[in-house]
Full PDB file with SEQRES, HELIX, SHEET, SSBOND, CRYST1, ORIGX, SCALE, CONECT and MASTER records, all heavy atoms in Angstrom:
SEQRES   1 A   44  PRO PRO ARG PRO ALA GLY ARG LEU LEU LEU THR PRO GLN          
SEQRES   2 A   44  ASP SER GLU ALA PRO ALA ARG THR LEU ARG LEU ARG ARG          
SEQRES   3 A   44  LEU GLY LEU GLY GLN GLN PRO GLU PRO ALA LEU ASP ALA          
SEQRES   4 A   44  PHE ALA ASP ARG LEU                                          
HELIX    1 AA1 ALA A   17  LEU A   27  1                                  11    
HELIX    2 AA2 PRO A   35  ARG A   43  1                                   9    
CRYST1    1.000    1.000    1.000  90.00  90.00  90.00 P 1           1          
ORIGX1      1.000000  0.000000  0.000000        0.00000                         
ORIGX2      0.000000  1.000000  0.000000        0.00000                         
ORIGX3      0.000000  0.000000  1.000000        0.00000                         
SCALE1      1.000000  0.000000  0.000000        0.00000                         
SCALE2      0.000000  1.000000  0.000000        0.00000                         
SCALE3      0.000000  0.000000  1.000000        0.00000                         
ATOM      1  N   PRO A   1     106.206 118.179 121.492  1.00  0.00           N  
ATOM      2  CA  PRO A   1     106.856 119.438 121.825  1.00  0.00           C  
ATOM      3  C   PRO A   1     106.406 120.543 120.887  1.00  0.00           C  
ATOM      4  O   PRO A   1     105.979 120.265 119.757  1.00  0.00           O  
ATOM      5  CB  PRO A   1     108.340 119.138 121.646  1.00  0.00           C  
ATOM      6  CG  PRO A   1     108.380 118.002 120.704  1.00  0.00           C  
ATOM      7  CD  PRO A   1     107.128 117.211 120.939  1.00  0.00           C  
ATOM      8  N   PRO A   2     106.483 121.797 121.309  1.00  0.00           N  
ATOM      9  CA  PRO A   2     106.065 122.892 120.446  1.00  0.00           C  
ATOM     10  C   PRO A   2     106.878 122.947 119.164  1.00  0.00           C  
ATOM     11  O   PRO A   2     108.065 122.633 119.147  1.00  0.00           O  
ATOM     12  CB  PRO A   2     106.319 124.139 121.292  1.00  0.00           C  
ATOM     13  CG  PRO A   2     106.529 123.662 122.674  1.00  0.00           C  
ATOM     14  CD  PRO A   2     106.965 122.241 122.600  1.00  0.00           C  
ATOM     15  N   ARG A   3     106.217 123.313 118.075  1.00  0.00           N  
ATOM     16  CA  ARG A   3     106.872 123.495 116.783  1.00  0.00           C  
ATOM     17  C   ARG A   3     106.465 124.856 116.233  1.00  0.00           C  
ATOM     18  O   ARG A   3     105.440 125.399 116.617  1.00  0.00           O  
ATOM     19  CB  ARG A   3     106.412 122.408 115.796  1.00  0.00           C  
ATOM     20  CG  ARG A   3     106.776 120.999 116.222  1.00  0.00           C  
ATOM     21  CD  ARG A   3     108.230 120.751 116.067  1.00  0.00           C  
ATOM     22  NE  ARG A   3     108.514 120.347 114.689  1.00  0.00           N  
ATOM     23  CZ  ARG A   3     109.679 119.941 114.284  1.00  0.00           C  
ATOM     24  NH1 ARG A   3     110.681 119.907 115.101  1.00  0.00           N  
ATOM     25  NH2 ARG A   3     109.868 119.594 113.038  1.00  0.00           N  
ATOM     26  N   PRO A   4     107.239 125.390 115.291  1.00  0.00           N  
ATOM     27  CA  PRO A   4     106.849 126.661 114.695  1.00  0.00           C  
ATOM     28  C   PRO A   4     105.463 126.567 114.064  1.00  0.00           C  
ATOM     29  O   PRO A   4     105.040 125.510 113.631  1.00  0.00           O  
ATOM     30  CB  PRO A   4     107.915 126.887 113.612  1.00  0.00           C  
ATOM     31  CG  PRO A   4     109.063 126.037 114.017  1.00  0.00           C  
ATOM     32  CD  PRO A   4     108.485 124.870 114.771  1.00  0.00           C  
ATOM     33  N   ALA A   5     104.753 127.690 114.011  1.00  0.00           N  
ATOM     34  CA  ALA A   5     103.410 127.724 113.440  1.00  0.00           C  
ATOM     35  C   ALA A   5     103.433 127.166 112.026  1.00  0.00           C  
ATOM     36  O   ALA A   5     104.337 127.428 111.237  1.00  0.00           O  
ATOM     37  CB  ALA A   5     102.887 129.153 113.435  1.00  0.00           C  
ATOM     38  N   GLY A   6     102.427 126.365 111.703  1.00  0.00           N  
ATOM     39  CA  GLY A   6     102.315 125.803 110.366  1.00  0.00           C  
ATOM     40  C   GLY A   6     103.110 124.534 110.151  1.00  0.00           C  
ATOM     41  O   GLY A   6     103.025 123.937 109.093  1.00  0.00           O  
ATOM     42  N   ARG A   7     103.861 124.075 111.140  1.00  0.00           N  
ATOM     43  CA  ARG A   7     104.643 122.851 111.003  1.00  0.00           C  
ATOM     44  C   ARG A   7     104.154 121.836 112.016  1.00  0.00           C  
ATOM     45  O   ARG A   7     104.081 122.123 113.199  1.00  0.00           O  
ATOM     46  CB  ARG A   7     106.132 123.125 111.257  1.00  0.00           C  
ATOM     47  CG  ARG A   7     106.791 124.039 110.276  1.00  0.00           C  
ATOM     48  CD  ARG A   7     107.078 123.378 108.965  1.00  0.00           C  
ATOM     49  NE  ARG A   7     107.974 122.242 109.203  1.00  0.00           N  
ATOM     50  CZ  ARG A   7     108.262 121.362 108.280  1.00  0.00           C  
ATOM     51  NH1 ARG A   7     107.744 121.441 107.105  1.00  0.00           N  
ATOM     52  NH2 ARG A   7     109.076 120.379 108.547  1.00  0.00           N  
ATOM     53  N   LEU A   8     103.827 120.656 111.554  1.00  0.00           N  
ATOM     54  CA  LEU A   8     103.405 119.587 112.446  1.00  0.00           C  
ATOM     55  C   LEU A   8     104.596 118.690 112.748  1.00  0.00           C  
ATOM     56  O   LEU A   8     105.439 118.468 111.878  1.00  0.00           O  
ATOM     57  CB  LEU A   8     102.303 118.752 111.796  1.00  0.00           C  
ATOM     58  CG  LEU A   8     100.979 119.462 111.578  1.00  0.00           C  
ATOM     59  CD1 LEU A   8     100.032 118.557 110.798  1.00  0.00           C  
ATOM     60  CD2 LEU A   8     100.358 119.884 112.882  1.00  0.00           C  
ATOM     61  N   LEU A   9     104.641 118.173 113.951  1.00  0.00           N  
ATOM     62  CA  LEU A   9     105.691 117.229 114.318  1.00  0.00           C  
ATOM     63  C   LEU A   9     105.425 115.915 113.593  1.00  0.00           C  
ATOM     64  O   LEU A   9     104.392 115.296 113.783  1.00  0.00           O  
ATOM     65  CB  LEU A   9     105.698 116.997 115.829  1.00  0.00           C  
ATOM     66  CG  LEU A   9     106.686 115.946 116.325  1.00  0.00           C  
ATOM     67  CD1 LEU A   9     108.101 116.448 116.133  1.00  0.00           C  
ATOM     68  CD2 LEU A   9     106.422 115.622 117.772  1.00  0.00           C  
ATOM     69  N   LEU A  10     106.321 115.504 112.721  1.00  0.00           N  
ATOM     70  CA  LEU A  10     106.133 114.266 111.978  1.00  0.00           C  
ATOM     71  C   LEU A  10     106.678 113.062 112.724  1.00  0.00           C  
ATOM     72  O   LEU A  10     106.142 111.980 112.628  1.00  0.00           O  
ATOM     73  CB  LEU A  10     106.796 114.367 110.607  1.00  0.00           C  
ATOM     74  CG  LEU A  10     106.237 115.439 109.684  1.00  0.00           C  
ATOM     75  CD1 LEU A  10     106.972 115.426 108.349  1.00  0.00           C  
ATOM     76  CD2 LEU A  10     104.759 115.245 109.471  1.00  0.00           C  
ATOM     77  N   THR A  11     107.769 113.237 113.441  1.00  0.00           N  
ATOM     78  CA  THR A  11     108.382 112.139 114.169  1.00  0.00           C  
ATOM     79  C   THR A  11     108.489 112.526 115.642  1.00  0.00           C  
ATOM     80  O   THR A  11     109.115 113.533 115.968  1.00  0.00           O  
ATOM     81  CB  THR A  11     109.787 111.834 113.616  1.00  0.00           C  
ATOM     82  OG1 THR A  11     109.680 111.629 112.204  1.00  0.00           O  
ATOM     83  CG2 THR A  11     110.360 110.592 114.252  1.00  0.00           C  
ATOM     84  N   PRO A  12     107.879 111.754 116.524  1.00  0.00           N  
ATOM     85  CA  PRO A  12     107.936 112.100 117.942  1.00  0.00           C  
ATOM     86  C   PRO A  12     109.332 111.921 118.526  1.00  0.00           C  
ATOM     87  O   PRO A  12     110.119 111.103 118.043  1.00  0.00           O  
ATOM     88  CB  PRO A  12     106.950 111.125 118.591  1.00  0.00           C  
ATOM     89  CG  PRO A  12     106.911 109.962 117.654  1.00  0.00           C  
ATOM     90  CD  PRO A  12     107.138 110.516 116.282  1.00  0.00           C  
ATOM     91  N   GLN A  13     109.629 112.699 119.560  1.00  0.00           N  
ATOM     92  CA  GLN A  13     110.896 112.521 120.262  1.00  0.00           C  
ATOM     93  C   GLN A  13     110.868 111.171 120.966  1.00  0.00           C  
ATOM     94  O   GLN A  13     109.852 110.763 121.517  1.00  0.00           O  
ATOM     95  CB  GLN A  13     111.104 113.639 121.273  1.00  0.00           C  
ATOM     96  CG  GLN A  13     111.366 114.977 120.625  1.00  0.00           C  
ATOM     97  CD  GLN A  13     111.615 116.067 121.641  1.00  0.00           C  
ATOM     98  OE1 GLN A  13     111.366 115.897 122.838  1.00  0.00           O  
ATOM     99  NE2 GLN A  13     112.102 117.193 121.177  1.00  0.00           N  
ATOM    100  N   ASP A  14     112.002 110.490 120.947  1.00  0.00           N  
ATOM    101  CA  ASP A  14     112.083 109.129 121.475  1.00  0.00           C  
ATOM    102  C   ASP A  14     113.227 109.046 122.481  1.00  0.00           C  
ATOM    103  O   ASP A  14     114.361 108.740 122.127  1.00  0.00           O  
ATOM    104  CB  ASP A  14     112.300 108.161 120.315  1.00  0.00           C  
ATOM    105  CG  ASP A  14     112.303 106.706 120.741  1.00  0.00           C  
ATOM    106  OD1 ASP A  14     112.142 106.418 121.944  1.00  0.00           O  
ATOM    107  OD2 ASP A  14     112.478 105.850 119.859  1.00  0.00           O  
ATOM    108  N   SER A  15     112.923 109.315 123.736  1.00  0.00           N  
ATOM    109  CA  SER A  15     113.966 109.326 124.763  1.00  0.00           C  
ATOM    110  C   SER A  15     114.487 107.928 125.087  1.00  0.00           C  
ATOM    111  O   SER A  15     115.551 107.795 125.678  1.00  0.00           O  
ATOM    112  CB  SER A  15     113.440 109.997 126.039  1.00  0.00           C  
ATOM    113  OG  SER A  15     112.347 109.263 126.561  1.00  0.00           O  
ATOM    114  N   GLU A  16     113.762 106.885 124.716  1.00  0.00           N  
ATOM    115  CA  GLU A  16     114.196 105.520 124.996  1.00  0.00           C  
ATOM    116  C   GLU A  16     115.057 104.922 123.885  1.00  0.00           C  
ATOM    117  O   GLU A  16     115.500 103.777 123.984  1.00  0.00           O  
ATOM    118  CB  GLU A  16     112.980 104.619 125.243  1.00  0.00           C  
ATOM    119  CG  GLU A  16     112.223 104.979 126.508  1.00  0.00           C  
ATOM    120  CD  GLU A  16     111.065 104.032 126.782  1.00  0.00           C  
ATOM    121  OE1 GLU A  16     110.728 103.195 125.919  1.00  0.00           O  
ATOM    122  OE2 GLU A  16     110.494 104.147 127.866  1.00  0.00           O  
ATOM    123  N   ALA A  17     115.291 105.671 122.811  1.00  0.00           N  
ATOM    124  CA  ALA A  17     116.034 105.128 121.669  1.00  0.00           C  
ATOM    125  C   ALA A  17     117.416 104.586 122.044  1.00  0.00           C  
ATOM    126  O   ALA A  17     117.782 103.497 121.582  1.00  0.00           O  
ATOM    127  CB  ALA A  17     116.146 106.167 120.556  1.00  0.00           C  
ATOM    128  N   PRO A  18     118.231 105.287 122.860  1.00  0.00           N  
ATOM    129  CA  PRO A  18     119.553 104.722 123.195  1.00  0.00           C  
ATOM    130  C   PRO A  18     119.452 103.384 123.933  1.00  0.00           C  
ATOM    131  O   PRO A  18     120.191 102.438 123.608  1.00  0.00           O  
ATOM    132  CB  PRO A  18     120.189 105.802 124.079  1.00  0.00           C  
ATOM    133  CG  PRO A  18     119.505 107.069 123.670  1.00  0.00           C  
ATOM    134  CD  PRO A  18     118.087 106.674 123.365  1.00  0.00           C  
ATOM    135  N   ALA A  19     118.538 103.277 124.886  1.00  0.00           N  
ATOM    136  CA  ALA A  19     118.381 102.019 125.622  1.00  0.00           C  
ATOM    137  C   ALA A  19     117.832 100.929 124.706  1.00  0.00           C  
ATOM    138  O   ALA A  19     118.243  99.765 124.794  1.00  0.00           O  
ATOM    139  CB  ALA A  19     117.446 102.225 126.818  1.00  0.00           C  
ATOM    140  N   ARG A  20     116.918 101.284 123.817  1.00  0.00           N  
ATOM    141  CA  ARG A  20     116.369 100.311 122.880  1.00  0.00           C  
ATOM    142  C   ARG A  20     117.459  99.792 121.941  1.00  0.00           C  
ATOM    143  O   ARG A  20     117.525  98.591 121.660  1.00  0.00           O  
ATOM    144  CB  ARG A  20     115.244 100.926 122.058  1.00  0.00           C  
ATOM    145  CG  ARG A  20     114.633  99.941 121.048  1.00  0.00           C  
ATOM    146  CD  ARG A  20     113.518 100.533 120.203  1.00  0.00           C  
ATOM    147  NE  ARG A  20     112.598 101.262 121.022  1.00  0.00           N  
ATOM    148  CZ  ARG A  20     112.542 102.607 121.065  1.00  0.00           C  
ATOM    149  NH1 ARG A  20     113.341 103.329 120.301  1.00  0.00           N  
ATOM    150  NH2 ARG A  20     111.683 103.211 121.858  1.00  0.00           N  
ATOM    151  N   THR A  21     118.311 100.679 121.472  1.00  0.00           N  
ATOM    152  CA  THR A  21     119.394 100.279 120.575  1.00  0.00           C  
ATOM    153  C   THR A  21     120.300  99.257 121.250  1.00  0.00           C  
ATOM    154  O   THR A  21     120.656  98.231 120.654  1.00  0.00           O  
ATOM    155  CB  THR A  21     120.206 101.515 120.140  1.00  0.00           C  
ATOM    156  OG1 THR A  21     119.331 102.423 119.463  1.00  0.00           O  
ATOM    157  CG2 THR A  21     121.354 101.133 119.219  1.00  0.00           C  
ATOM    158  N   LEU A  22     120.651  99.502 122.507  1.00  0.00           N  
ATOM    159  CA  LEU A  22     121.480  98.542 123.248  1.00  0.00           C  
ATOM    160  C   LEU A  22     120.760  97.216 123.439  1.00  0.00           C  
ATOM    161  O   LEU A  22     121.355  96.140 123.282  1.00  0.00           O  
ATOM    162  CB  LEU A  22     121.869  99.127 124.612  1.00  0.00           C  
ATOM    163  CG  LEU A  22     122.875 100.268 124.585  1.00  0.00           C  
ATOM    164  CD1 LEU A  22     123.063 100.842 125.986  1.00  0.00           C  
ATOM    165  CD2 LEU A  22     124.204  99.795 124.017  1.00  0.00           C  
ATOM    166  N   ARG A  23     119.476  97.274 123.773  1.00  0.00           N  
ATOM    167  CA  ARG A  23     118.696  96.055 123.987  1.00  0.00           C  
ATOM    168  C   ARG A  23     118.611  95.235 122.696  1.00  0.00           C  
ATOM    169  O   ARG A  23     118.784  94.015 122.710  1.00  0.00           O  
ATOM    170  CB  ARG A  23     117.307  96.419 124.496  1.00  0.00           C  
ATOM    171  CG  ARG A  23     116.390  95.248 124.750  1.00  0.00           C  
ATOM    172  CD  ARG A  23     116.691  94.588 126.067  1.00  0.00           C  
ATOM    173  NE  ARG A  23     115.697  93.573 126.351  1.00  0.00           N  
ATOM    174  CZ  ARG A  23     115.970  92.392 126.868  1.00  0.00           C  
ATOM    175  NH1 ARG A  23     117.206  92.094 127.214  1.00  0.00           N  
ATOM    176  NH2 ARG A  23     115.028  91.518 127.088  1.00  0.00           N  
ATOM    177  N   LEU A  24     118.355  95.901 121.582  1.00  0.00           N  
ATOM    178  CA  LEU A  24     118.284  95.189 120.303  1.00  0.00           C  
ATOM    179  C   LEU A  24     119.614  94.520 119.968  1.00  0.00           C  
ATOM    180  O   LEU A  24     119.641  93.377 119.496  1.00  0.00           O  
ATOM    181  CB  LEU A  24     117.869  96.143 119.181  1.00  0.00           C  
ATOM    182  CG  LEU A  24     116.412  96.601 119.190  1.00  0.00           C  
ATOM    183  CD1 LEU A  24     116.193  97.725 118.190  1.00  0.00           C  
ATOM    184  CD2 LEU A  24     115.467  95.436 118.916  1.00  0.00           C  
ATOM    185  N   ARG A  25     120.711  95.211 120.227  1.00  0.00           N  
ATOM    186  CA  ARG A  25     122.032  94.614 119.958  1.00  0.00           C  
ATOM    187  C   ARG A  25     122.265  93.397 120.841  1.00  0.00           C  
ATOM    188  O   ARG A  25     122.798  92.379 120.386  1.00  0.00           O  
ATOM    189  CB  ARG A  25     123.131  95.647 120.171  1.00  0.00           C  
ATOM    190  CG  ARG A  25     123.177  96.660 119.052  1.00  0.00           C  
ATOM    191  CD  ARG A  25     124.326  97.623 119.205  1.00  0.00           C  
ATOM    192  NE  ARG A  25     124.267  98.636 118.166  1.00  0.00           N  
ATOM    193  CZ  ARG A  25     124.660  99.882 118.318  1.00  0.00           C  
ATOM    194  NH1 ARG A  25     125.168 100.285 119.459  1.00  0.00           N  
ATOM    195  NH2 ARG A  25     124.561 100.738 117.321  1.00  0.00           N  
ATOM    196  N   ARG A  26     121.878  93.496 122.103  1.00  0.00           N  
ATOM    197  CA  ARG A  26     122.054  92.359 123.017  1.00  0.00           C  
ATOM    198  C   ARG A  26     121.230  91.162 122.566  1.00  0.00           C  
ATOM    199  O   ARG A  26     121.650  90.019 122.729  1.00  0.00           O  
ATOM    200  CB  ARG A  26     121.665  92.755 124.441  1.00  0.00           C  
ATOM    201  CG  ARG A  26     122.681  93.638 125.111  1.00  0.00           C  
ATOM    202  CD  ARG A  26     122.271  93.937 126.536  1.00  0.00           C  
ATOM    203  NE  ARG A  26     123.231  94.826 127.141  1.00  0.00           N  
ATOM    204  CZ  ARG A  26     122.915  95.883 127.860  1.00  0.00           C  
ATOM    205  NH1 ARG A  26     121.651  96.198 128.078  1.00  0.00           N  
ATOM    206  NH2 ARG A  26     123.859  96.641 128.375  1.00  0.00           N  
ATOM    207  N   LEU A  27     120.047  91.435 122.012  1.00  0.00           N  
ATOM    208  CA  LEU A  27     119.171  90.359 121.559  1.00  0.00           C  
ATOM    209  C   LEU A  27     119.503  89.893 120.145  1.00  0.00           C  
ATOM    210  O   LEU A  27     118.953  88.898 119.671  1.00  0.00           O  
ATOM    211  CB  LEU A  27     117.707  90.824 121.614  1.00  0.00           C  
ATOM    212  CG  LEU A  27     117.156  91.140 123.001  1.00  0.00           C  
ATOM    213  CD1 LEU A  27     115.773  91.743 122.888  1.00  0.00           C  
ATOM    214  CD2 LEU A  27     117.138  89.891 123.876  1.00  0.00           C  
ATOM    215  N   GLY A  28     120.394  90.612 119.465  1.00  0.00           N  
ATOM    216  CA  GLY A  28     120.740  90.251 118.099  1.00  0.00           C  
ATOM    217  C   GLY A  28     119.616  90.505 117.108  1.00  0.00           C  
ATOM    218  O   GLY A  28     119.473  89.787 116.120  1.00  0.00           O  
ATOM    219  N   LEU A  29     118.814  91.521 117.375  1.00  0.00           N  
ATOM    220  CA  LEU A  29     117.658  91.825 116.527  1.00  0.00           C  
ATOM    221  C   LEU A  29     117.853  93.148 115.798  1.00  0.00           C  
ATOM    222  O   LEU A  29     118.530  94.042 116.279  1.00  0.00           O  
ATOM    223  CB  LEU A  29     116.383  91.908 117.372  1.00  0.00           C  
ATOM    224  CG  LEU A  29     115.939  90.616 118.053  1.00  0.00           C  
ATOM    225  CD1 LEU A  29     114.813  90.904 119.035  1.00  0.00           C  
ATOM    226  CD2 LEU A  29     115.516  89.582 117.024  1.00  0.00           C  
ATOM    227  N   GLY A  30     117.225  93.249 114.639  1.00  0.00           N  
ATOM    228  CA  GLY A  30     117.177  94.514 113.924  1.00  0.00           C  
ATOM    229  C   GLY A  30     118.389  94.840 113.093  1.00  0.00           C  
ATOM    230  O   GLY A  30     118.549  95.982 112.661  1.00  0.00           O  
ATOM    231  N   GLN A  31     119.238  93.862 112.816  1.00  0.00           N  
ATOM    232  CA  GLN A  31     120.437  94.109 112.017  1.00  0.00           C  
ATOM    233  C   GLN A  31     120.404  93.404 110.665  1.00  0.00           C  
ATOM    234  O   GLN A  31     121.132  93.782 109.762  1.00  0.00           O  
ATOM    235  CB  GLN A  31     121.685  93.664 112.789  1.00  0.00           C  
ATOM    236  CG  GLN A  31     121.887  94.391 114.096  1.00  0.00           C  
ATOM    237  CD  GLN A  31     122.079  95.890 113.902  1.00  0.00           C  
ATOM    238  OE1 GLN A  31     122.842  96.307 113.038  1.00  0.00           O  
ATOM    239  NE2 GLN A  31     121.373  96.696 114.666  1.00  0.00           N  
ATOM    240  N   GLN A  32     119.591  92.347 110.551  1.00  0.00           N  
ATOM    241  CA  GLN A  32     119.561  91.583 109.314  1.00  0.00           C  
ATOM    242  C   GLN A  32     118.172  90.983 109.117  1.00  0.00           C  
ATOM    243  O   GLN A  32     117.440  90.785 110.083  1.00  0.00           O  
ATOM    244  CB  GLN A  32     120.602  90.469 109.339  1.00  0.00           C  
ATOM    245  CG  GLN A  32     120.367  89.475 110.459  1.00  0.00           C  
ATOM    246  CD  GLN A  32     121.528  88.511 110.599  1.00  0.00           C  
ATOM    247  OE1 GLN A  32     122.589  88.714 110.018  1.00  0.00           O  
ATOM    248  NE2 GLN A  32     121.334  87.463 111.366  1.00  0.00           N  
ATOM    249  N   PRO A  33     117.807  90.702 107.856  1.00  0.00           N  
ATOM    250  CA  PRO A  33     116.530  90.034 107.603  1.00  0.00           C  
ATOM    251  C   PRO A  33     116.530  88.653 108.246  1.00  0.00           C  
ATOM    252  O   PRO A  33     117.572  87.999 108.322  1.00  0.00           O  
ATOM    253  CB  PRO A  33     116.481  89.914 106.078  1.00  0.00           C  
ATOM    254  CG  PRO A  33     117.482  90.889 105.577  1.00  0.00           C  
ATOM    255  CD  PRO A  33     118.533  91.013 106.624  1.00  0.00           C  
ATOM    256  N   GLU A  34     115.373  88.226 108.701  1.00  0.00           N  
ATOM    257  CA  GLU A  34     115.255  86.911 109.315  1.00  0.00           C  
ATOM    258  C   GLU A  34     114.143  86.143 108.618  1.00  0.00           C  
ATOM    259  O   GLU A  34     112.995  86.599 108.624  1.00  0.00           O  
ATOM    260  CB  GLU A  34     114.983  87.037 110.809  1.00  0.00           C  
ATOM    261  CG  GLU A  34     116.096  87.768 111.534  1.00  0.00           C  
ATOM    262  CD  GLU A  34     116.090  87.512 113.025  1.00  0.00           C  
ATOM    263  OE1 GLU A  34     115.566  86.472 113.453  1.00  0.00           O  
ATOM    264  OE2 GLU A  34     116.617  88.370 113.737  1.00  0.00           O  
ATOM    265  N   PRO A  35     114.455  84.996 108.030  1.00  0.00           N  
ATOM    266  CA  PRO A  35     113.437  84.224 107.318  1.00  0.00           C  
ATOM    267  C   PRO A  35     112.200  83.916 108.163  1.00  0.00           C  
ATOM    268  O   PRO A  35     111.077  83.965 107.655  1.00  0.00           O  
ATOM    269  CB  PRO A  35     114.171  82.940 106.912  1.00  0.00           C  
ATOM    270  CG  PRO A  35     115.607  83.361 106.814  1.00  0.00           C  
ATOM    271  CD  PRO A  35     115.783  84.394 107.897  1.00  0.00           C  
ATOM    272  N   ALA A  36     112.387  83.614 109.442  1.00  0.00           N  
ATOM    273  CA  ALA A  36     111.231  83.318 110.298  1.00  0.00           C  
ATOM    274  C   ALA A  36     110.334  84.545 110.458  1.00  0.00           C  
ATOM    275  O   ALA A  36     109.102  84.419 110.513  1.00  0.00           O  
ATOM    276  CB  ALA A  36     111.695  82.819 111.665  1.00  0.00           C  
ATOM    277  N   LEU A  37     110.936  85.730 110.508  1.00  0.00           N  
ATOM    278  CA  LEU A  37     110.134  86.950 110.634  1.00  0.00           C  
ATOM    279  C   LEU A  37     109.513  87.340 109.298  1.00  0.00           C  
ATOM    280  O   LEU A  37     108.409  87.911 109.263  1.00  0.00           O  
ATOM    281  CB  LEU A  37     110.972  88.080 111.222  1.00  0.00           C  
ATOM    282  CG  LEU A  37     111.441  87.847 112.661  1.00  0.00           C  
ATOM    283  CD1 LEU A  37     112.251  89.033 113.162  1.00  0.00           C  
ATOM    284  CD2 LEU A  37     110.269  87.557 113.590  1.00  0.00           C  
ATOM    285  N   ASP A  38     110.176  87.029 108.192  1.00  0.00           N  
ATOM    286  CA  ASP A  38     109.547  87.212 106.885  1.00  0.00           C  
ATOM    287  C   ASP A  38     108.314  86.318 106.773  1.00  0.00           C  
ATOM    288  O   ASP A  38     107.262  86.744 106.277  1.00  0.00           O  
ATOM    289  CB  ASP A  38     110.521  86.876 105.757  1.00  0.00           C  
ATOM    290  CG  ASP A  38     111.529  87.987 105.479  1.00  0.00           C  
ATOM    291  OD1 ASP A  38     111.295  89.145 105.889  1.00  0.00           O  
ATOM    292  OD2 ASP A  38     112.555  87.690 104.844  1.00  0.00           O  
ATOM    293  N   ALA A  39     108.424  85.074 107.230  1.00  0.00           N  
ATOM    294  CA  ALA A  39     107.288  84.153 107.194  1.00  0.00           C  
ATOM    295  C   ALA A  39     106.155  84.663 108.092  1.00  0.00           C  
ATOM    296  O   ALA A  39     104.979  84.559 107.743  1.00  0.00           O  
ATOM    297  CB  ALA A  39     107.727  82.749 107.608  1.00  0.00           C  
ATOM    298  N   PHE A  40     106.520  85.210 109.243  1.00  0.00           N  
ATOM    299  CA  PHE A  40     105.529  85.804 110.138  1.00  0.00           C  
ATOM    300  C   PHE A  40     104.802  86.949 109.432  1.00  0.00           C  
ATOM    301  O   PHE A  40     103.577  87.062 109.486  1.00  0.00           O  
ATOM    302  CB  PHE A  40     106.226  86.308 111.410  1.00  0.00           C  
ATOM    303  CG  PHE A  40     105.299  86.916 112.416  1.00  0.00           C  
ATOM    304  CD1 PHE A  40     104.718  86.142 113.405  1.00  0.00           C  
ATOM    305  CD2 PHE A  40     105.019  88.276 112.389  1.00  0.00           C  
ATOM    306  CE1 PHE A  40     103.862  86.712 114.340  1.00  0.00           C  
ATOM    307  CE2 PHE A  40     104.166  88.852 113.315  1.00  0.00           C  
ATOM    308  CZ  PHE A  40     103.584  88.061 114.295  1.00  0.00           C  
ATOM    309  N   ALA A  41     105.560  87.819 108.744  1.00  0.00           N  
ATOM    310  CA  ALA A  41     104.952  88.934 108.013  1.00  0.00           C  
ATOM    311  C   ALA A  41     104.057  88.431 106.887  1.00  0.00           C  
ATOM    312  O   ALA A  41     102.978  88.991 106.648  1.00  0.00           O  
ATOM    313  CB  ALA A  41     106.046  89.855 107.472  1.00  0.00           C  
ATOM    314  N   ASP A  42     104.469  87.363 106.204  1.00  0.00           N  
ATOM    315  CA  ASP A  42     103.631  86.776 105.158  1.00  0.00           C  
ATOM    316  C   ASP A  42     102.295  86.311 105.730  1.00  0.00           C  
ATOM    317  O   ASP A  42     101.230  86.562 105.141  1.00  0.00           O  
ATOM    318  CB  ASP A  42     104.335  85.587 104.490  1.00  0.00           C  
ATOM    319  CG  ASP A  42     105.528  85.986 103.631  1.00  0.00           C  
ATOM    320  OD1 ASP A  42     105.640  87.172 103.251  1.00  0.00           O  
ATOM    321  OD2 ASP A  42     106.361  85.093 103.359  1.00  0.00           O  
ATOM    322  N   ARG A  43     102.331  85.625 106.862  1.00  0.00           N  
ATOM    323  CA  ARG A  43     101.095  85.142 107.494  1.00  0.00           C  
ATOM    324  C   ARG A  43     100.222  86.306 107.953  1.00  0.00           C  
ATOM    325  O   ARG A  43      98.997  86.264 107.828  1.00  0.00           O  
ATOM    326  CB  ARG A  43     101.415  84.210 108.660  1.00  0.00           C  
ATOM    327  CG  ARG A  43     101.970  82.858 108.229  1.00  0.00           C  
ATOM    328  CD  ARG A  43     102.066  81.866 109.368  1.00  0.00           C  
ATOM    329  NE  ARG A  43     102.887  82.326 110.465  1.00  0.00           N  
ATOM    330  CZ  ARG A  43     104.207  82.191 110.554  1.00  0.00           C  
ATOM    331  NH1 ARG A  43     104.874  81.600 109.580  1.00  0.00           N  
ATOM    332  NH2 ARG A  43     104.866  82.629 111.601  1.00  0.00           N  
ATOM    333  N   LEU A  44     100.861  87.355 108.477  1.00  0.00           N  
ATOM    334  CA  LEU A  44     100.111  88.523 108.934  1.00  0.00           C  
ATOM    335  C   LEU A  44      99.427  89.226 107.758  1.00  0.00           C  
ATOM    336  O   LEU A  44      98.264  89.639 107.856  1.00  0.00           O  
ATOM    337  CB  LEU A  44     101.034  89.488 109.674  1.00  0.00           C  
ATOM    338  CG  LEU A  44     100.385  90.733 110.266  1.00  0.00           C  
ATOM    339  CD1 LEU A  44      99.277  90.379 111.248  1.00  0.00           C  
ATOM    340  CD2 LEU A  44     101.445  91.609 110.935  1.00  0.00           C  
TER     341      LEU A  44                                                      
MASTER        0    0    0    2    0    0    0    6  340    1    0    4          
END                                                                             
């Protein structure tokens, strides 16, 4: 979206954020650290 001259958009608008938040809650994701995902990050 347009921004004032000299200012760059740092964070894009995210129209799917409300639906994503509900989906994450339903899946039980994104609220706490998970050892299996820490191990995945270690391997990555």
